[in-house]
C-alpha atoms as a PDB file:
ATOM      1  CA  MET A   1      96.237 227.891 155.850  1.00  0.00           C
ATOM      2  CA  ALA A   2      95.030 224.487 157.127  1.00  0.00           C
ATOM      3  CA  LEU A   3      91.972 222.897 158.696  1.00  0.00           C
ATOM      4  CA  GLU A   4      92.652 221.929 162.382  1.00  0.00           C
ATOM      5  CA  MET A   5      91.261 218.727 162.422  1.00  0.00           C
ATOM      6  CA  LYS A   6      90.054 217.904 165.836  1.00  0.00           C
ATOM      7  CA  LYS A   7      90.072 213.948 166.621  1.00  0.00           C
ATOM      8  CA  ASN A   8      87.035 213.478 169.030  1.00  0.00           C
ATOM      9  CA  CYS A   9      83.876 214.982 168.757  1.00  0.00           C
ATOM     10  CA  GLN A  10      83.309 218.006 171.049  1.00  0.00           C
ATOM     11  CA  THR A  11      79.722 216.544 171.991  1.00  0.00           C
ATOM     12  CA  CYS A  12      80.004 213.510 173.277  1.00  0.00           C
ATOM     13  CA  ASN A  13      84.288 212.729 172.881  1.00  0.00           C
ATOM     14  CA  THR A  14      83.774 209.375 170.439  1.00  0.00           C
ATOM     15  CA  ALA A  15      87.043 209.431 168.428  1.00  0.00           C
ATOM     16  CA  LEU A  16      87.086 210.414 164.972  1.00  0.00           C
ATOM     17  CA  GLN A  17      90.413 209.311 163.134  1.00  0.00           C
ATOM     18  CA  GLY A  18      91.574 211.158 159.753  1.00  0.00           C
ATOM     19  CA  ASP A  19      88.766 208.929 157.581  1.00  0.00           C
ATOM     20  CA  SER A  20      86.121 209.226 160.366  1.00  0.00           C
ATOM     21  CA  GLU A  21      82.682 210.703 158.504  1.00  0.00           C
ATOM     22  CA  ALA A  22      82.971 213.851 160.433  1.00  0.00           C
ATOM     23  CA  TYR A  23      81.334 217.744 160.441  1.00  0.00           C
ATOM     24  CA  ILE A  24      82.896 221.043 161.135  1.00  0.00           C
ATOM     25  CA  CYS A  25      80.890 224.419 161.262  1.00  0.00           C
ATOM     26  CA  VAL A  26      83.332 227.720 160.454  1.00  0.00           C
ATOM     27  CA  HIS A  27      84.691 227.829 163.226  1.00  0.00           C
ATOM     28  CA  GLU A  28      86.023 224.528 163.509  1.00  0.00           C
ATOM     29  CA  CYS A  29      84.054 223.031 165.656  1.00  0.00           C
ATOM     30  CA  THR A  30      83.872 219.255 165.391  1.00  0.00           C
ATOM     31  CA  PHE A  31      81.202 216.760 165.939  1.00  0.00           C
ATOM     32  CA  CYS A  32      80.505 213.294 164.963  1.00  0.00           C
ATOM     33  CA  SER A  33      77.240 212.134 161.972  1.00  0.00           C
ATOM     34  CA  PRO A  34      74.581 210.974 165.292  1.00  0.00           C
ATOM     35  CA  CYS A  35      75.136 213.964 166.984  1.00  0.00           C
ATOM     36  CA  THR A  36      75.602 216.214 163.969  1.00  0.00           C
ATOM     37  CA  GLU A  37      72.359 214.431 162.903  1.00  0.00           C
ATOM     38  CA  SER A  38      70.582 215.568 166.301  1.00  0.00           C
ATOM     39  CA  THR A  39      71.184 218.774 165.734  1.00  0.00           C
ATOM     40  CA  ASN A  40      70.283 219.178 162.116  1.00  0.00           C
ATOM     41  CA  HIS A  41      72.986 220.241 161.446  1.00  0.00           C
ATOM     42  CA  VAL A  42      73.746 222.929 162.832  1.00  0.00           C
ATOM     43  CA  CYS A  43      77.285 223.865 164.974  1.00  0.00           C
ATOM     44  CA  PRO A  44      75.503 224.383 168.446  1.00  0.00           C
ATOM     45  CA  ASN A  45      78.570 225.910 169.406  1.00  0.00           C
ATOM     46  CA  CYS A  46      77.862 228.783 166.957  1.00  0.00           C
ATOM     47  CA  GLY A  47      74.667 228.371 165.525  1.00  0.00           C
ATOM     48  CA  GLY A  48      76.405 227.661 161.776  1.00  0.00           C
ATOM     49  CA  GLU A  49      76.267 225.047 159.733  1.00  0.00           C
ATOM     50  CA  LEU A  50      77.783 222.018 160.116  1.00  0.00           C
ATOM     51  CA  VAL A  51      79.386 220.426 156.121  1.00  0.00           C
ATOM     52  CA  ARG A  52      80.847 217.147 156.212  1.00  0.00           C
ATOM     53  CA  ARG A  53      84.901 217.731 157.057  1.00  0.00           C
ATOM     54  CA  PRO A  54      87.404 216.702 154.064  1.00  0.00           C
ATOM     55  CA  LYS A  55      89.272 213.594 154.403  1.00  0.00           C
ATOM     56  CA  LYS A  56      92.971 212.971 155.566  1.00  0.00           C
ATOM     57  CA  LYS A  57      94.974 211.087 152.717  1.00  0.00           C
END
């Protein structure tokens, strides 16, 4: 099962390329680094932990 690599931060709508630093939760909610830091690595949608999204090759 592959991750859905979303192309924009769900908070500020910043564009996220495949190699951009981005963070996801278990539900694949996706956020840029500044938005992740502002929520202390907690997903504002589900309350789950935000971790670094793997990079595409």
